[in-house]
Amino acid sequence: MDNLTHTLAGAVLARAGLGRRTPLAMPTLLLAANLPDLDVLAYLRDPLFALTFRRGWSHGVLAMAVLPLALAGGMAAWDRLVRRRRRPDGAPAPFRELLLLSFAGVLSHPLLDLLNTYGVRLLMPFSGRWFYGDTLFIVDPWLWGLLGLAWALPVVESRRDGARPSGNGRARSARIIGGLAVLYIGMMFGLGRFAAAASARGVAALGLDPDRLMASPVPLHPLRRSVLVDLGDSYRWGSYAWGQSGFMLAAGSIPKNLERPEIAPLLERPEARAFLGWSRFPAAVWAPAGVRLYDLRYAGGETDSWASVVITPR
C-alpha cells in the first residue's frame, strides 16, 4: 500500500489505545508502520534492482524480528539522550513498551502490502516466494477515509466536549471506525474471491482452459474487478461488475512471445532473469533497442507498462 495508508494505520493504532502505553508511543507507531519501506533506498542503485529487491528483505519474517528491536532501541536512546534531558521531570519511555509498539507497527506494514497485486515476500530471506492478496488497489481513497476518520474523530470529540485533547483522544471511536476499516478490507477480499471464481466459470463457459486468472481491484470502484486470464501462450483481459454485467471477456489476445526463437535466448540474460523472477504475468515485445519485457499487471490492458525492462542484443 501507499505510505499515507501505512502512516494512517500507525496513527489509528495509537488512537485506539496503544498511544496511552508510554511516552513516544505515537511517533514510534508512525515510524514503525513505515519502517519496512526503507528498501526504497534500492532506487539509488537502479530501477530494475529496486523492482526486484523491494518487498523482500525488509518485509519478510527476519525483518519482522530485527526491525522492531532496532527501532525500539533508537527510540529508547532518543528518550534518554534527548527528550528526558529537555524534560527531566517527564516519565520515561520503557524499552519493553517501545518494543511492543514497534512490533505492532512494523507487522502492520507487510499485512497491508499483502492486500494488493504487487505482493510481498513474507518468508524472506528463507524463501523468495511471492504472496498476493489481490484485495485492494495500492491507493484506496475509501480506506484513507475510514482510517483518517478513525484518527481525527477522537480529537474532534474531545474538543467538542470541552476536554483538553490529548495525543490519543478517545480510543472507543478509533476502535469502532478502525473496525469498520477492517470490515471494508474483509468485504473487498470476499468480493475479489467471488469475482475470481465467477470469472473462472465464465471463461470455462466460453470453452477456454486458463492456466491462471487474476481479478484485481479497480481504483474507486469497490464492486468492479479487472480480470486477467493466462491462456498459456497468451493473455486476455476481462472485467467483472458485481450486480451489473457480471463477467465479460474482451476481444483479442496478447501474446506472451516468451518462447519465440529470437526472444528466448535473451531471457537467459541476468537482467531478464531478475525481471522474470519478480514478474507475475510477463510478456515480451520488440522495442527499437531490443526486447522489452513487461508485466501485464501494470499494462492497463495494453503493452505499455511502467514495470518493464529492455534487453539489448549483444
C-alpha atoms as a PDB file:
ATOM      1  CA  MET A   1       0.000   0.000   0.000  1.00  0.00           C
ATOM      2  CA  ASP A   2       1.000   3.649  -0.278  1.00  0.00           C
ATOM      3  CA  ASN A   3       2.750   5.340   2.614  1.00  0.00           C
ATOM      4  CA  LEU A   4      -0.228   7.505   3.549  1.00  0.00           C
ATOM      5  CA  THR A   5      -2.171   4.308   4.283  1.00  0.00           C
ATOM      6  CA  HIS A   6       0.714   2.924   6.342  1.00  0.00           C
ATOM      7  CA  THR A   7       1.019   6.192   8.276  1.00  0.00           C
ATOM      8  CA  LEU A   8      -2.704   6.341   8.996  1.00  0.00           C
ATOM      9  CA  ALA A   9      -2.620   2.712  10.163  1.00  0.00           C
ATOM     10  CA  GLY A  10       0.072   3.573  12.699  1.00  0.00           C
ATOM     11  CA  ALA A  11      -1.868   6.655  13.834  1.00  0.00           C
ATOM     12  CA  VAL A  12      -5.076   4.635  14.300  1.00  0.00           C
ATOM     13  CA  LEU A  13      -3.238   2.041  16.386  1.00  0.00           C
ATOM     14  CA  ALA A  14      -2.127   4.904  18.634  1.00  0.00           C
ATOM     15  CA  ARG A  15      -5.618   6.452  18.809  1.00  0.00           C
ATOM     16  CA  ALA A  16      -7.171   3.063  19.559  1.00  0.00           C
ATOM     17  CA  GLY A  17      -5.298   2.789  22.849  1.00  0.00           C
ATOM     18  CA  LEU A  18      -1.691   1.854  22.158  1.00  0.00           C
ATOM     19  CA  GLY A  19      -0.755   5.519  22.350  1.00  0.00           C
ATOM     20  CA  ARG A  20      -1.529   5.509  26.062  1.00  0.00           C
ATOM     21  CA  ARG A  21       1.043   2.900  26.932  1.00  0.00           C
ATOM     22  CA  THR A  22       4.122   5.106  27.056  1.00  0.00           C
ATOM     23  CA  PRO A  23       5.606   8.440  26.032  1.00  0.00           C
ATOM     24  CA  LEU A  24       6.792   8.460  22.401  1.00  0.00           C
ATOM     25  CA  ALA A  25       4.053   5.976  21.512  1.00  0.00           C
ATOM     26  CA  MET A  26       2.649   7.948  18.564  1.00  0.00           C
ATOM     27  CA  PRO A  27       5.994   8.664  16.842  1.00  0.00           C
ATOM     28  CA  THR A  28       7.096   5.078  17.460  1.00  0.00           C
ATOM     29  CA  LEU A  29       3.981   3.685  15.784  1.00  0.00           C
ATOM     30  CA  LEU A  30       4.212   6.109  12.853  1.00  0.00           C
ATOM     31  CA  LEU A  31       7.844   5.230  12.223  1.00  0.00           C
ATOM     32  CA  ALA A  32       7.246   1.511  12.692  1.00  0.00           C
ATOM     33  CA  ALA A  33       4.335   1.468  10.257  1.00  0.00           C
ATOM     34  CA  ASN A  34       6.601   2.838   7.520  1.00  0.00           C
ATOM     35  CA  LEU A  35       9.948   1.299   8.500  1.00  0.00           C
ATOM     36  CA  PRO A  36       9.911  -1.730   6.132  1.00  0.00           C
ATOM     37  CA  ASP A  37       9.884   0.701   3.220  1.00  0.00           C
ATOM     38  CA  LEU A  38      13.492   1.556   3.946  1.00  0.00           C
ATOM     39  CA  ASP A  39      14.145  -0.718   0.961  1.00  0.00           C
ATOM     40  CA  VAL A  40      13.196   2.287  -1.195  1.00  0.00           C
ATOM     41  CA  LEU A  41      16.903   3.102  -0.977  1.00  0.00           C
ATOM     42  CA  ALA A  42      17.352   0.384  -3.608  1.00  0.00           C
ATOM     43  CA  TYR A  43      16.389   3.019  -6.189  1.00  0.00           C
ATOM     44  CA  LEU A  44      19.756   4.661  -5.544  1.00  0.00           C
ATOM     45  CA  ARG A  45      21.278   1.759  -7.450  1.00  0.00           C
ATOM     46  CA  ASP A  46      18.905   1.418 -10.430  1.00  0.00           C
ATOM     47  CA  PRO A  47      15.173   0.904 -11.128  1.00  0.00           C
ATOM     48  CA  LEU A  48      15.456  -2.769 -12.118  1.00  0.00           C
ATOM     49  CA  PHE A  49      17.330  -3.621  -8.939  1.00  0.00           C
ATOM     50  CA  ALA A  50      14.733  -1.747  -6.895  1.00  0.00           C
ATOM     51  CA  LEU A  51      11.891  -3.542  -8.681  1.00  0.00           C
ATOM     52  CA  THR A  52      13.308  -6.972  -7.907  1.00  0.00           C
ATOM     53  CA  PHE A  53      14.649  -6.133  -4.418  1.00  0.00           C
ATOM     54  CA  ARG A  54      11.733  -4.297  -2.826  1.00  0.00           C
ATOM     55  CA  ARG A  55       9.116  -6.009  -0.634  1.00  0.00           C
ATOM     56  CA  GLY A  56      11.620  -8.703   0.186  1.00  0.00           C
ATOM     57  CA  TRP A  57      14.334  -8.489   2.832  1.00  0.00           C
ATOM     58  CA  SER A  58      12.734  -5.639   4.763  1.00  0.00           C
ATOM     59  CA  HIS A  59       9.246  -7.178   4.572  1.00  0.00           C
ATOM     60  CA  GLY A  60       9.999 -10.799   5.490  1.00  0.00           C
ATOM     61  CA  VAL A  61       9.955 -12.764   8.711  1.00  0.00           C
ATOM     62  CA  LEU A  62      13.549 -11.935   9.649  1.00  0.00           C
ATOM     63  CA  ALA A  63      12.898  -8.209   9.259  1.00  0.00           C
ATOM     64  CA  MET A  64       9.784  -8.553  11.429  1.00  0.00           C
ATOM     65  CA  ALA A  65      12.101  -9.645  14.247  1.00  0.00           C
ATOM     66  CA  VAL A  66      15.036  -7.297  13.622  1.00  0.00           C
ATOM     67  CA  LEU A  67      13.365  -4.002  12.665  1.00  0.00           C
ATOM     68  CA  PRO A  68      11.265  -3.636  15.856  1.00  0.00           C
ATOM     69  CA  LEU A  69      14.356  -4.242  18.008  1.00  0.00           C
ATOM     70  CA  ALA A  70      16.320  -1.626  16.078  1.00  0.00           C
ATOM     71  CA  LEU A  71      13.509   0.940  16.227  1.00  0.00           C
ATOM     72  CA  ALA A  72      12.791   0.376  19.919  1.00  0.00           C
ATOM     73  CA  GLY A  73      16.493   0.767  20.683  1.00  0.00           C
ATOM     74  CA  GLY A  74      16.643   4.010  18.707  1.00  0.00           C
ATOM     75  CA  MET A  75      13.554   5.423  20.392  1.00  0.00           C
ATOM     76  CA  ALA A  76      14.840   4.432  23.845  1.00  0.00           C
ATOM     77  CA  ALA A  77      18.129   6.200  23.088  1.00  0.00           C
ATOM     78  CA  TRP A  78      16.237   9.313  21.928  1.00  0.00           C
ATOM     79  CA  ASP A  79      14.168   9.213  25.102  1.00  0.00           C
ATOM     80  CA  ARG A  80      17.230   9.006  27.333  1.00  0.00           C
ATOM     81  CA  LEU A  81      19.589  11.338  25.479  1.00  0.00           C
ATOM     82  CA  VAL A  82      17.209  13.987  24.154  1.00  0.00           C
ATOM     83  CA  ARG A  83      13.632  14.004  25.469  1.00  0.00           C
ATOM     84  CA  ARG A  84      14.382  13.456  29.154  1.00  0.00           C
ATOM     85  CA  ARG A  85      17.240  15.928  29.101  1.00  0.00           C
ATOM     86  CA  ARG A  86      14.835  18.523  27.783  1.00  0.00           C
ATOM     87  CA  ARG A  87      12.139  17.451  30.260  1.00  0.00           C
ATOM     88  CA  PRO A  88      13.870  15.940  33.320  1.00  0.00           C
ATOM     89  CA  ASP A  89      10.539  15.616  35.125  1.00  0.00           C
ATOM     90  CA  GLY A  90       8.946  13.630  32.280  1.00  0.00           C
ATOM     91  CA  ALA A  91       8.059   9.974  32.665  1.00  0.00           C
ATOM     92  CA  PRO A  92      10.497   7.606  30.950  1.00  0.00           C
ATOM     93  CA  ALA A  93       9.551   5.513  27.925  1.00  0.00           C
ATOM     94  CA  PRO A  94      10.288   1.885  28.927  1.00  0.00           C
ATOM     95  CA  PHE A  95      12.084  -0.178  26.317  1.00  0.00           C
ATOM     96  CA  ARG A  96       9.591  -3.013  26.762  1.00  0.00           C
ATOM     97  CA  GLU A  97       6.665  -0.788  25.799  1.00  0.00           C
ATOM     98  CA  LEU A  98       8.547   0.734  22.872  1.00  0.00           C
ATOM     99  CA  LEU A  99       9.363  -2.757  21.633  1.00  0.00           C
ATOM    100  CA  LEU A 100       5.706  -3.817  21.805  1.00  0.00           C
ATOM    101  CA  LEU A 101       4.627  -0.759  19.829  1.00  0.00           C
ATOM    102  CA  SER A 102       7.424  -1.263  17.316  1.00  0.00           C
ATOM    103  CA  PHE A 103       6.312  -4.848  16.687  1.00  0.00           C
ATOM    104  CA  ALA A 104       2.689  -3.769  16.216  1.00  0.00           C
ATOM    105  CA  GLY A 105       3.571  -1.000  13.770  1.00  0.00           C
ATOM    106  CA  VAL A 106       6.141  -2.969  11.762  1.00  0.00           C
ATOM    107  CA  LEU A 107       3.856  -6.001  11.461  1.00  0.00           C
ATOM    108  CA  SER A 108       1.028  -3.842  10.102  1.00  0.00           C
ATOM    109  CA  HIS A 109       3.178  -2.940   7.103  1.00  0.00           C
ATOM    110  CA  PRO A 110       3.560  -6.299   5.284  1.00  0.00           C
ATOM    111  CA  LEU A 111      -0.018  -7.225   6.210  1.00  0.00           C
ATOM    112  CA  LEU A 112      -1.258  -4.165   4.335  1.00  0.00           C
ATOM    113  CA  ASP A 113       1.180  -4.702   1.455  1.00  0.00           C
ATOM    114  CA  LEU A 114      -0.125  -8.240   1.127  1.00  0.00           C
ATOM    115  CA  LEU A 115      -3.517  -6.862   0.088  1.00  0.00           C
ATOM    116  CA  ASN A 116      -2.614  -5.677  -3.414  1.00  0.00           C
ATOM    117  CA  THR A 117      -1.492  -7.258  -6.680  1.00  0.00           C
ATOM    118  CA  TYR A 118       2.169  -6.300  -6.259  1.00  0.00           C
ATOM    119  CA  GLY A 119       2.520  -8.804  -3.433  1.00  0.00           C
ATOM    120  CA  VAL A 120       5.141  -9.309  -0.750  1.00  0.00           C
ATOM    121  CA  ARG A 121       7.764 -11.961   0.021  1.00  0.00           C
ATOM    122  CA  LEU A 122       6.714 -12.790   3.555  1.00  0.00           C
ATOM    123  CA  LEU A 123       9.265 -15.582   4.077  1.00  0.00           C
ATOM    124  CA  MET A 124      12.407 -13.674   3.125  1.00  0.00           C
ATOM    125  CA  PRO A 125      15.279 -14.405   3.413  1.00  0.00           C
ATOM    126  CA  PHE A 126      14.388 -18.085   3.734  1.00  0.00           C
ATOM    127  CA  SER A 127      12.187 -18.177   0.638  1.00  0.00           C
ATOM    128  CA  GLY A 128      11.655 -15.756  -2.226  1.00  0.00           C
ATOM    129  CA  ARG A 129       8.064 -16.844  -2.784  1.00  0.00           C
ATOM    130  CA  TRP A 130       5.641 -14.010  -3.513  1.00  0.00           C
ATOM    131  CA  PHE A 131       2.240 -13.811  -1.814  1.00  0.00           C
ATOM    132  CA  TYR A 132      -0.595 -11.808  -3.397  1.00  0.00           C
ATOM    133  CA  GLY A 133      -3.852 -10.688  -1.792  1.00  0.00           C
ATOM    134  CA  ASP A 134      -5.481  -9.075  -4.876  1.00  0.00           C
ATOM    135  CA  THR A 135      -7.814  -7.295  -2.449  1.00  0.00           C
ATOM    136  CA  LEU A 136      -7.152  -3.537  -2.551  1.00  0.00           C
ATOM    137  CA  PHE A 137      -5.753  -1.177  -5.153  1.00  0.00           C
ATOM    138  CA  ILE A 138      -2.401   0.147  -3.967  1.00  0.00           C
ATOM    139  CA  VAL A 139      -4.016   3.579  -3.387  1.00  0.00           C
ATOM    140  CA  ASP A 140      -7.504   3.226  -1.880  1.00  0.00           C
ATOM    141  CA  PRO A 141      -9.266   6.532  -1.028  1.00  0.00           C
ATOM    142  CA  TRP A 142     -12.100   4.664   0.750  1.00  0.00           C
ATOM    143  CA  LEU A 143      -9.592   3.149   3.156  1.00  0.00           C
ATOM    144  CA  TRP A 144      -7.946   6.553   3.517  1.00  0.00           C
ATOM    145  CA  GLY A 145     -11.297   7.993   4.551  1.00  0.00           C
ATOM    146  CA  LEU A 146     -12.004   5.355   7.178  1.00  0.00           C
ATOM    147  CA  LEU A 147      -8.518   5.437   8.678  1.00  0.00           C
ATOM    148  CA  GLY A 148      -8.418   9.233   8.549  1.00  0.00           C
ATOM    149  CA  LEU A 149     -11.745   9.439  10.369  1.00  0.00           C
ATOM    150  CA  ALA A 150     -10.573   6.935  12.983  1.00  0.00           C
ATOM    151  CA  TRP A 151      -7.525   9.135  13.571  1.00  0.00           C
ATOM    152  CA  ALA A 152      -9.290  12.524  13.623  1.00  0.00           C
ATOM    153  CA  LEU A 153     -12.644  11.870  15.295  1.00  0.00           C
ATOM    154  CA  PRO A 154     -11.334  11.222  18.847  1.00  0.00           C
ATOM    155  CA  VAL A 155      -9.670  14.640  18.929  1.00  0.00           C
ATOM    156  CA  VAL A 156     -12.778  16.318  17.478  1.00  0.00           C
ATOM    157  CA  GLU A 157     -14.908  14.669  20.161  1.00  0.00           C
ATOM    158  CA  SER A 158     -12.547  15.761  22.917  1.00  0.00           C
ATOM    159  CA  ARG A 159     -12.666  19.377  21.760  1.00  0.00           C
ATOM    160  CA  ARG A 160     -16.447  19.267  21.352  1.00  0.00           C
ATOM    161  CA  ASP A 161     -16.866  18.086  24.934  1.00  0.00           C
ATOM    162  CA  GLY A 162     -14.531  20.754  26.244  1.00  0.00           C
ATOM    163  CA  ALA A 163     -11.818  18.325  27.253  1.00  0.00           C
ATOM    164  CA  ARG A 164      -8.204  19.040  26.618  1.00  0.00           C
ATOM    165  CA  PRO A 165      -7.307  16.974  23.526  1.00  0.00           C
ATOM    166  CA  SER A 166      -4.545  14.512  24.218  1.00  0.00           C
ATOM    167  CA  GLY A 167      -2.329  12.684  21.760  1.00  0.00           C
ATOM    168  CA  ASN A 168      -4.711   9.737  21.994  1.00  0.00           C
ATOM    169  CA  GLY A 169      -8.134  11.364  22.025  1.00  0.00           C
ATOM    170  CA  ARG A 170     -10.843   8.831  22.744  1.00  0.00           C
ATOM    171  CA  ALA A 171      -9.957   5.247  21.981  1.00  0.00           C
ATOM    172  CA  ARG A 172     -13.522   3.972  21.592  1.00  0.00           C
ATOM    173  CA  SER A 173     -14.301   5.950  18.445  1.00  0.00           C
ATOM    174  CA  ALA A 174     -10.990   4.980  16.887  1.00  0.00           C
ATOM    175  CA  ARG A 175     -11.636   1.312  17.620  1.00  0.00           C
ATOM    176  CA  ILE A 176     -15.122   1.386  16.113  1.00  0.00           C
ATOM    177  CA  ILE A 177     -14.092   3.143  12.915  1.00  0.00           C
ATOM    178  CA  GLY A 178     -10.882   1.132  12.720  1.00  0.00           C
ATOM    179  CA  GLY A 179     -13.085  -1.955  12.956  1.00  0.00           C
ATOM    180  CA  LEU A 180     -15.120  -0.646  10.016  1.00  0.00           C
ATOM    181  CA  ALA A 181     -11.881  -0.317   8.050  1.00  0.00           C
ATOM    182  CA  VAL A 182     -11.101  -3.965   8.805  1.00  0.00           C
ATOM    183  CA  LEU A 183     -14.626  -4.939   7.728  1.00  0.00           C
ATOM    184  CA  TYR A 184     -14.137  -2.990   4.483  1.00  0.00           C
ATOM    185  CA  ILE A 185     -10.922  -4.900   3.804  1.00  0.00           C
ATOM    186  CA  GLY A 186     -12.703  -8.173   4.543  1.00  0.00           C
ATOM    187  CA  MET A 187     -15.540  -7.218   2.199  1.00  0.00           C
ATOM    188  CA  MET A 188     -13.079  -6.361  -0.573  1.00  0.00           C
ATOM    189  CA  PHE A 189     -11.304  -9.680  -0.034  1.00  0.00           C
ATOM    190  CA  GLY A 190     -14.578 -11.595  -0.305  1.00  0.00           C
ATOM    191  CA  LEU A 191     -15.722  -9.661  -3.375  1.00  0.00           C
ATOM    192  CA  GLY A 192     -12.377 -10.321  -5.031  1.00  0.00           C
ATOM    193  CA  ARG A 193     -12.574 -14.047  -4.408  1.00  0.00           C
ATOM    194  CA  PHE A 194     -16.167 -14.165  -5.656  1.00  0.00           C
ATOM    195  CA  ALA A 195     -15.211 -12.216  -8.801  1.00  0.00           C
ATOM    196  CA  ALA A 196     -12.288 -14.563  -9.472  1.00  0.00           C
ATOM    197  CA  ALA A 197     -14.487 -17.649  -9.096  1.00  0.00           C
ATOM    198  CA  ALA A 198     -17.278 -16.196 -11.238  1.00  0.00           C
ATOM    199  CA  SER A 199     -14.774 -15.118 -13.890  1.00  0.00           C
ATOM    200  CA  ALA A 200     -13.223 -18.594 -13.949  1.00  0.00           C
ATOM    201  CA  ARG A 201     -16.674 -20.058 -14.573  1.00  0.00           C
ATOM    202  CA  GLY A 202     -17.288 -17.501 -17.314  1.00  0.00           C
ATOM    203  CA  VAL A 203     -14.008 -18.337 -19.022  1.00  0.00           C
ATOM    204  CA  ALA A 204     -14.779 -22.070 -18.846  1.00  0.00           C
ATOM    205  CA  ALA A 205     -18.239 -21.459 -20.324  1.00  0.00           C
ATOM    206  CA  LEU A 206     -16.506 -19.934 -23.359  1.00  0.00           C
ATOM    207  CA  GLY A 207     -14.568 -23.165 -23.874  1.00  0.00           C
ATOM    208  CA  LEU A 208     -11.252 -21.795 -22.641  1.00  0.00           C
ATOM    209  CA  ASP A 209      -8.935 -23.546 -20.202  1.00  0.00           C
ATOM    210  CA  PRO A 210      -6.834 -20.894 -18.432  1.00  0.00           C
ATOM    211  CA  ASP A 211      -3.606 -21.627 -16.576  1.00  0.00           C
ATOM    212  CA  ARG A 212      -4.234 -18.797 -14.111  1.00  0.00           C
ATOM    213  CA  LEU A 213      -6.604 -15.918 -13.526  1.00  0.00           C
ATOM    214  CA  MET A 214      -6.274 -12.671 -11.565  1.00  0.00           C
ATOM    215  CA  ALA A 215      -9.223 -10.500 -10.524  1.00  0.00           C
ATOM    216  CA  SER A 216      -7.579  -7.242  -9.494  1.00  0.00           C
ATOM    217  CA  PRO A 217      -9.223  -4.265  -7.751  1.00  0.00           C
ATOM    218  CA  VAL A 218     -10.122  -1.156  -9.730  1.00  0.00           C
ATOM    219  CA  PRO A 219      -9.463   2.368  -8.367  1.00  0.00           C
ATOM    220  CA  LEU A 220     -12.527   3.970  -6.720  1.00  0.00           C
ATOM    221  CA  HIS A 221     -14.874   1.118  -7.741  1.00  0.00           C
ATOM    222  CA  PRO A 222     -15.171  -1.486  -4.947  1.00  0.00           C
ATOM    223  CA  LEU A 223     -17.752  -3.539  -6.885  1.00  0.00           C
ATOM    224  CA  ARG A 224     -15.673  -3.942 -10.029  1.00  0.00           C
ATOM    225  CA  ARG A 225     -12.651  -6.078 -10.863  1.00  0.00           C
ATOM    226  CA  SER A 226     -10.246  -6.111 -13.784  1.00  0.00           C
ATOM    227  CA  VAL A 227      -9.686  -9.709 -14.860  1.00  0.00           C
ATOM    228  CA  LEU A 228      -6.502 -11.031 -16.470  1.00  0.00           C
ATOM    229  CA  VAL A 229      -6.667 -14.540 -17.931  1.00  0.00           C
ATOM    230  CA  ASP A 230      -3.496 -16.547 -18.618  1.00  0.00           C
ATOM    231  CA  LEU A 231      -4.134 -18.927 -21.527  1.00  0.00           C
ATOM    232  CA  GLY A 232      -0.658 -20.430 -21.676  1.00  0.00           C
ATOM    233  CA  ASP A 233       0.818 -18.727 -24.723  1.00  0.00           C
ATOM    234  CA  SER A 234      -1.237 -15.534 -24.468  1.00  0.00           C
ATOM    235  CA  TYR A 235      -3.340 -13.372 -22.157  1.00  0.00           C
ATOM    236  CA  ARG A 236      -6.831 -11.953 -22.429  1.00  0.00           C
ATOM    237  CA  TRP A 237      -8.364  -9.113 -20.454  1.00  0.00           C
ATOM    238  CA  GLY A 238     -11.816  -9.159 -18.996  1.00  0.00           C
ATOM    239  CA  SER A 239     -13.882  -7.469 -16.309  1.00  0.00           C
ATOM    240  CA  TYR A 240     -16.326  -8.311 -13.576  1.00  0.00           C
ATOM    241  CA  ALA A 241     -19.012  -5.925 -12.299  1.00  0.00           C
ATOM    242  CA  TRP A 242     -20.896  -7.029  -9.189  1.00  0.00           C
ATOM    243  CA  GLY A 243     -24.673  -6.882  -9.655  1.00  0.00           C
ATOM    244  CA  GLN A 244     -24.379  -5.446 -13.172  1.00  0.00           C
ATOM    245  CA  SER A 245     -22.977  -7.103 -16.282  1.00  0.00           C
ATOM    246  CA  GLY A 246     -21.120  -9.820 -14.379  1.00  0.00           C
ATOM    247  CA  PHE A 247     -18.143 -11.278 -16.215  1.00  0.00           C
ATOM    248  CA  MET A 248     -17.193 -10.027 -19.672  1.00  0.00           C
ATOM    249  CA  LEU A 249     -14.172 -11.112 -21.725  1.00  0.00           C
ATOM    250  CA  ALA A 250     -12.606  -8.555 -24.032  1.00  0.00           C
ATOM    251  CA  ALA A 251     -11.961  -9.413 -27.658  1.00  0.00           C
ATOM    252  CA  GLY A 252      -8.428 -10.143 -28.791  1.00  0.00           C
ATOM    253  CA  SER A 253      -5.458 -11.656 -27.019  1.00  0.00           C
ATOM    254  CA  ILE A 254      -1.977 -10.507 -26.063  1.00  0.00           C
ATOM    255  CA  PRO A 255       0.788 -12.968 -26.985  1.00  0.00           C
ATOM    256  CA  LYS A 256       3.472 -13.716 -24.426  1.00  0.00           C
ATOM    257  CA  ASN A 257       6.205 -14.140 -27.064  1.00  0.00           C
ATOM    258  CA  LEU A 258       8.487 -15.655 -24.427  1.00  0.00           C
ATOM    259  CA  GLU A 259       9.199 -18.803 -26.429  1.00  0.00           C
ATOM    260  CA  ARG A 260       9.849 -17.188 -29.788  1.00  0.00           C
ATOM    261  CA  PRO A 261      13.268 -18.344 -31.055  1.00  0.00           C
ATOM    262  CA  GLU A 262      14.584 -14.812 -31.469  1.00  0.00           C
ATOM    263  CA  ILE A 263      13.467 -13.822 -27.933  1.00  0.00           C
ATOM    264  CA  ALA A 264      14.015 -16.925 -25.781  1.00  0.00           C
ATOM    265  CA  PRO A 265      17.872 -16.728 -25.768  1.00  0.00           C
ATOM    266  CA  LEU A 266      17.719 -13.160 -24.439  1.00  0.00           C
ATOM    267  CA  LEU A 267      15.685 -14.344 -21.452  1.00  0.00           C
ATOM    268  CA  GLU A 268      18.803 -16.041 -20.071  1.00  0.00           C
ATOM    269  CA  ARG A 269      20.477 -12.678 -19.550  1.00  0.00           C
ATOM    270  CA  PRO A 270      20.839 -11.692 -15.830  1.00  0.00           C
ATOM    271  CA  GLU A 271      18.611  -8.634 -16.147  1.00  0.00           C
ATOM    272  CA  ALA A 272      15.904 -10.710 -17.849  1.00  0.00           C
ATOM    273  CA  ARG A 273      16.080 -13.448 -15.224  1.00  0.00           C
ATOM    274  CA  ALA A 274      15.857 -10.832 -12.466  1.00  0.00           C
ATOM    275  CA  PHE A 275      12.763  -9.278 -14.039  1.00  0.00           C
ATOM    276  CA  LEU A 276      11.085 -12.628 -14.667  1.00  0.00           C
ATOM    277  CA  GLY A 277      11.731 -13.619 -11.053  1.00  0.00           C
ATOM    278  CA  TRP A 278       9.686 -10.593  -9.977  1.00  0.00           C
ATOM    279  CA  SER A 279       7.070 -10.636 -12.713  1.00  0.00           C
ATOM    280  CA  ARG A 280       3.734 -12.383 -12.281  1.00  0.00           C
ATOM    281  CA  PHE A 281       2.265 -12.099 -15.799  1.00  0.00           C
ATOM    282  CA  PRO A 282       5.271 -11.497 -18.070  1.00  0.00           C
ATOM    283  CA  ALA A 283       5.250 -10.898 -21.812  1.00  0.00           C
ATOM    284  CA  ALA A 284       7.716  -9.597 -24.402  1.00  0.00           C
ATOM    285  CA  VAL A 285       7.569  -7.251 -27.392  1.00  0.00           C
ATOM    286  CA  TRP A 286      10.157  -5.974 -29.802  1.00  0.00           C
ATOM    287  CA  ALA A 287      11.424  -2.499 -28.986  1.00  0.00           C
ATOM    288  CA  PRO A 288      13.732  -0.233 -31.012  1.00  0.00           C
ATOM    289  CA  ALA A 289      16.641  -1.086 -28.693  1.00  0.00           C
ATOM    290  CA  GLY A 290      15.907  -4.800 -28.321  1.00  0.00           C
ATOM    291  CA  VAL A 291      13.304  -6.866 -26.487  1.00  0.00           C
ATOM    292  CA  ARG A 292      11.136  -5.242 -23.845  1.00  0.00           C
ATOM    293  CA  LEU A 293       9.852  -7.449 -21.045  1.00  0.00           C
ATOM    294  CA  TYR A 294       6.815  -6.129 -19.223  1.00  0.00           C
ATOM    295  CA  ASP A 295       4.237  -7.279 -16.696  1.00  0.00           C
ATOM    296  CA  LEU A 296       0.560  -7.309 -17.674  1.00  0.00           C
ATOM    297  CA  ARG A 297      -0.494  -6.408 -14.128  1.00  0.00           C
ATOM    298  CA  TYR A 298       0.549  -2.847 -14.834  1.00  0.00           C
ATOM    299  CA  ALA A 299      -0.067  -2.597 -18.563  1.00  0.00           C
ATOM    300  CA  GLY A 300      -3.602  -1.182 -18.423  1.00  0.00           C
ATOM    301  CA  GLY A 301      -4.848  -3.713 -20.949  1.00  0.00           C
ATOM    302  CA  GLU A 302      -2.179  -2.779 -23.469  1.00  0.00           C
ATOM    303  CA  THR A 303       1.539  -3.458 -23.786  1.00  0.00           C
ATOM    304  CA  ASP A 304       2.666  -0.139 -22.324  1.00  0.00           C
ATOM    305  CA  SER A 305       3.732  -0.863 -18.745  1.00  0.00           C
ATOM    306  CA  TRP A 306       5.825   1.096 -16.263  1.00  0.00           C
ATOM    307  CA  ALA A 307       7.068  -2.260 -14.971  1.00  0.00           C
ATOM    308  CA  SER A 308       9.376  -3.234 -17.806  1.00  0.00           C
ATOM    309  CA  VAL A 309      12.988  -3.726 -18.831  1.00  0.00           C
ATOM    310  CA  VAL A 310      14.665  -3.625 -22.252  1.00  0.00           C
ATOM    311  CA  ILE A 311      17.077  -6.432 -23.078  1.00  0.00           C
ATOM    312  CA  THR A 312      19.510  -5.307 -25.757  1.00  0.00           C
ATOM    313  CA  PRO A 313      21.153  -7.890 -28.032  1.00  0.00           C
ATOM    314  CA  ARG A 314      24.918  -8.081 -27.715  1.00  0.00           C
END
